[in-house]
Structures are given as structure tokens and as C-alpha cells.
Amino acid sequence: MTSASDLAQIRFDNALALFDEFVRNTIKHPDAATLRGLEGRFAEKVQIQPSYWSQIKSRSRQIGERLARQFELLCRKPNGWMDQVHTPGTGTTKGNPAPSSADDSHAPRDDDERFIVGLVLTYYRRHPQRARTRLLDLLGEVLTPAASETRAAPAPAPVSVTTAAPAGDAHALWLRSQSGVAPLRQKK
């Protein structure tokens, strides 16, 4: 027999699995409109308020019997699915955890990291060469060896935006105006 705390954990894990499945199915064709508000759209799919879904994820609310059946029905799972342990691929159960290794430090740790990894993988699998190029451009400063950080690179000379350029050379003007401008950092 499963204890109440074990059942709550199993339902929580399965709810997160349903959300991951929803994200994978939703981002088959990623675009900005698709990626916005996935949590709210999932809550809408399972007919609960987004704030209630947030409370479930933060573990301040548990999934009861009625809500578990609602999740199963609306996500097209068999009756009782939410109350069973489901392990992707490995056959590992809660009582038999997979051995952790040093490589697990790169595995996603939470929903946000799983979401980002899923997005990157989806993009890479669809357009490998373009994804590789763009990701390396975006992550260039992070992937640059630490030795280059210790060397002091000379600062580029400031470019006057008022420099006259032929009307057909707008792109060159744009590039000159951008030299020496650091990219904005995201607020935390």
C-alpha cells in the first residue's frame, strides 16, 4: 500500500511529466507566440487557474483524488495513471534510484532548465548547422577560454554615429555604430 506522502510525490512527479509532455508537443514548431505563456496554457488545458498550477509546482498544494482524475481525463491518460510511477526509458523506480555520476552536474535541475534545454534541442534537431552557428555566437563570451579574460584587450575607438555614409551603405553604418556597444544583460 502506498502512503499518502508517497502518493502525493508520485502525483507531483506525474503532473510535471504531463507538463513536460505538453511543452514537447507544443514547441514542435517554436515561434515567439507559441513559447509565451506555456504554463498558463497548460493550466488552461487541465482546467485549473495558472496560480493553482504554480502552487502545485511549488508544492504548497497537493494533487487530490479529483484533480488527479481531471489531469488524466484532460491529458488523455488511463484512469489511475497519476497514481503510478512512470519512469522514462530507464526502468528506474522511486525505490531504486539511478546511480548519480559526475556528469549529472550538466543535467537540468528544474523546470526552467528543462524548458531551455528542450528549446535548444528542438531548434538544433531541426536546423543543426544554423543552430550551432547562432548558439556559438550567442554564447561566445561564455565559451571563450578564461585565459583570454586575463589579457586586457584594447578598447575599440569610439565611432561617431554622425559619420556620413552613402545612402546604400546603411548596413555598414549600422555595424560601425554597434562597435564598442556591449550587449544588454538580462535583469534577474
Protein backbone atom coordinates (compact mmCIF):
# COMPACT_ATOMS: atom_id res chain seq x y z
CA MET A 1 0.00 0.00 0.00
CA THR A 2 1.26 3.47 -0.83
CA SER A 3 1.40 6.06 1.94
CA ALA A 4 -0.23 9.47 1.46
CA SER A 5 3.13 11.25 1.17
CA ASP A 6 4.36 8.73 -1.42
CA LEU A 7 1.14 9.13 -3.42
CA ALA A 8 1.47 12.92 -3.27
CA GLN A 9 5.05 12.65 -4.60
CA ILE A 10 4.02 10.26 -7.38
CA ARG A 11 1.18 12.58 -8.46
CA PHE A 12 3.52 15.57 -8.32
CA ASP A 13 6.12 13.79 -10.49
CA ASN A 14 3.44 12.71 -12.95
CA ALA A 15 1.99 16.22 -13.16
CA LEU A 16 5.46 17.53 -14.04
CA ALA A 17 5.78 14.73 -16.62
CA LEU A 18 2.45 15.81 -18.15
CA PHE A 19 3.68 19.40 -18.29
CA ASP A 20 6.95 18.29 -19.94
CA GLU A 21 4.93 16.30 -22.47
CA PHE A 22 2.74 19.36 -23.11
CA VAL A 23 5.84 21.53 -23.69
CA ARG A 24 7.38 18.98 -26.07
CA ASN A 25 4.15 18.73 -28.06
CA THR A 26 3.64 22.49 -28.10
CA ILE A 27 7.10 23.52 -29.24
CA LYS A 28 7.27 21.26 -32.29
CA HIS A 29 7.11 24.47 -34.31
CA PRO A 30 8.67 27.03 -31.97
CA ASP A 31 7.90 30.66 -32.51
CA ALA A 32 7.55 33.56 -30.12
CA ALA A 33 3.77 33.26 -29.84
CA THR A 34 3.97 29.53 -29.09
CA LEU A 35 6.59 29.90 -26.39
CA ARG A 36 4.82 32.62 -24.43
CA GLY A 37 2.66 31.56 -21.55
CA LEU A 38 3.15 27.80 -21.72
CA GLU A 39 2.46 27.40 -18.02
CA GLY A 40 -0.80 29.32 -18.34
CA ARG A 41 -1.78 27.35 -21.41
CA PHE A 42 -1.09 24.07 -19.61
CA ALA A 43 -3.21 25.22 -16.66
CA GLU A 44 -5.94 26.09 -19.14
CA LYS A 45 -5.68 22.62 -20.70
CA VAL A 46 -6.13 20.88 -17.35
CA GLN A 47 -8.83 23.41 -16.41
CA ILE A 48 -7.22 24.97 -13.36
CA GLN A 49 -6.09 28.52 -12.63
CA PRO A 50 -2.45 29.35 -13.52
CA SER A 51 -1.88 30.37 -9.90
CA TYR A 52 -3.12 26.96 -8.75
CA TRP A 53 -0.68 25.25 -11.13
CA SER A 54 2.08 27.44 -9.71
CA GLN A 55 1.11 26.38 -6.18
CA ILE A 56 1.20 22.71 -7.22
CA LYS A 57 4.67 23.17 -8.71
CA SER A 58 5.93 24.95 -5.62
CA ARG A 59 4.47 22.11 -3.51
CA SER A 60 2.30 24.42 -1.46
CA ARG A 61 -0.71 22.46 -2.83
CA GLN A 62 -1.11 18.74 -3.39
CA ILE A 63 -2.98 16.96 -6.15
CA GLY A 64 -6.03 15.30 -4.65
CA GLU A 65 -8.09 12.41 -6.00
CA ARG A 66 -10.49 14.55 -8.04
CA LEU A 67 -7.76 16.70 -9.57
CA ALA A 68 -5.66 13.61 -10.42
CA ARG A 69 -8.62 12.14 -12.36
CA GLN A 70 -9.15 15.54 -14.06
CA PHE A 71 -5.49 15.61 -15.19
CA GLU A 72 -5.81 12.05 -16.54
CA LEU A 73 -9.00 12.78 -18.42
CA LEU A 74 -7.85 16.04 -19.97
CA CYS A 75 -4.37 14.74 -20.86
CA ARG A 76 -5.81 11.51 -22.31
CA LYS A 77 -4.24 9.15 -19.81
CA PRO A 78 -5.88 5.97 -18.48
CA ASN A 79 -7.72 6.08 -15.18
CA GLY A 80 -5.25 5.71 -12.30
CA TRP A 81 -2.25 6.86 -14.38
CA MET A 82 -1.48 9.71 -11.98
CA ASP A 83 -1.17 7.23 -9.08
CA GLN A 84 1.51 5.04 -10.71
CA VAL A 85 5.25 5.54 -11.01
CA HIS A 86 6.26 6.21 -14.63
CA THR A 87 9.94 6.33 -15.47
CA PRO A 88 11.13 7.48 -18.88
CA GLY A 89 13.24 4.85 -20.59
CA THR A 90 15.39 3.51 -17.76
CA GLY A 91 13.01 1.35 -15.74
CA THR A 92 14.21 3.10 -12.60
CA THR A 93 11.61 3.36 -9.87
CA LYS A 94 11.42 5.58 -6.85
CA GLY A 95 12.63 2.74 -4.62
CA ASN A 96 15.57 2.03 -6.93
CA PRO A 97 17.15 5.37 -7.84
CA ALA A 98 19.59 5.60 -10.72
CA PRO A 99 23.20 5.99 -9.68
CA SER A 100 24.35 9.56 -9.92
CA SER A 101 27.59 10.38 -11.66
CA ALA A 102 29.82 13.40 -12.07
CA ASP A 103 28.16 14.06 -15.45
CA ASP A 104 24.83 14.77 -13.72
CA SER A 105 26.07 18.28 -12.95
CA HIS A 106 25.12 19.20 -16.53
CA ALA A 107 21.65 17.67 -16.32
CA PRO A 108 18.70 20.10 -15.97
CA ARG A 109 17.84 20.66 -12.31
CA ASP A 110 14.43 22.31 -12.51
CA ASP A 111 11.54 23.11 -14.84
CA ASP A 112 13.17 26.26 -16.22
CA GLU A 113 16.37 24.43 -17.13
CA ARG A 114 14.42 21.53 -18.68
CA PHE A 115 12.43 24.03 -20.72
CA ILE A 116 15.55 25.79 -22.03
CA VAL A 117 17.31 22.51 -22.83
CA GLY A 118 14.19 21.32 -24.65
CA LEU A 119 14.03 24.52 -26.69
CA VAL A 120 17.69 24.33 -27.67
CA LEU A 121 17.45 20.64 -28.59
CA THR A 122 14.32 21.19 -30.65
CA TYR A 123 15.97 24.03 -32.54
CA TYR A 124 19.20 22.07 -33.03
CA ARG A 125 17.42 18.95 -34.27
CA ARG A 126 15.50 20.97 -36.86
CA HIS A 127 18.40 23.13 -38.12
CA PRO A 128 21.72 21.72 -36.80
CA GLN A 129 24.13 23.94 -38.72
CA ARG A 130 22.18 27.17 -38.20
CA ALA A 131 21.60 26.34 -34.52
CA ARG A 132 25.28 25.60 -33.96
CA THR A 133 26.32 28.88 -35.57
CA ARG A 134 23.78 31.02 -33.73
CA LEU A 135 24.30 29.35 -30.37
CA LEU A 136 28.06 29.77 -30.60
CA ASP A 137 27.55 33.44 -31.48
CA LEU A 138 25.17 33.94 -28.55
CA LEU A 139 27.31 32.05 -26.07
CA GLY A 140 30.68 33.21 -27.39
CA GLU A 141 31.63 35.23 -24.34
CA VAL A 142 30.78 32.34 -22.01
CA LEU A 143 32.57 29.73 -24.11
CA THR A 144 35.71 31.84 -24.58
CA PRO A 145 38.65 30.38 -22.64
CA ALA A 146 39.43 32.03 -19.32
CA ALA A 147 42.95 32.89 -20.48
CA SER A 148 41.55 35.44 -22.90
CA GLU A 149 39.80 37.15 -20.00
CA THR A 150 43.08 37.78 -18.20
CA ARG A 151 44.56 39.59 -21.16
CA ALA A 152 43.42 43.16 -21.38
CA ALA A 153 42.12 43.76 -24.87
CA PRO A 154 42.43 47.31 -26.14
CA ALA A 155 39.09 49.06 -26.17
CA PRO A 156 37.78 49.87 -29.63
CA ALA A 157 37.89 53.51 -30.56
CA PRO A 158 34.52 55.21 -30.21
CA VAL A 159 32.75 55.59 -33.51
CA SER A 160 30.84 58.71 -34.31
CA VAL A 161 27.29 57.90 -35.36
CA THR A 162 27.18 61.14 -37.29
CA THR A 163 29.75 59.84 -39.78
CA ALA A 164 28.39 60.45 -43.24
CA ALA A 165 27.75 57.29 -45.23
CA PRO A 166 26.29 56.75 -48.66
CA ALA A 167 22.56 56.01 -48.62
CA GLY A 168 23.15 52.47 -49.95
CA ASP A 169 25.62 51.64 -47.16
CA ALA A 170 23.14 51.64 -44.25
CA HIS A 171 24.26 48.22 -43.05
CA ALA A 172 27.89 49.31 -42.81
CA LEU A 173 26.80 52.37 -40.82
CA TRP A 174 24.79 50.13 -38.51
CA LEU A 175 27.79 47.86 -37.95
CA ARG A 176 30.10 50.82 -37.25
CA SER A 177 27.63 52.28 -34.77
CA GLN A 178 27.44 48.96 -32.93
CA SER A 179 31.18 48.51 -32.43
CA GLY A 180 32.08 49.18 -28.86
CA VAL A 181 28.49 48.72 -27.64
CA ALA A 182 28.21 45.89 -25.14
CA PRO A 183 25.10 43.69 -25.27
CA LEU A 184 22.48 44.26 -22.59
CA ARG A 185 22.41 41.80 -19.73
CA GLN A 186 19.12 40.31 -18.59
CA LYS A 187 17.79 41.51 -15.24
CA LYS A 188 17.49 38.81 -12.60
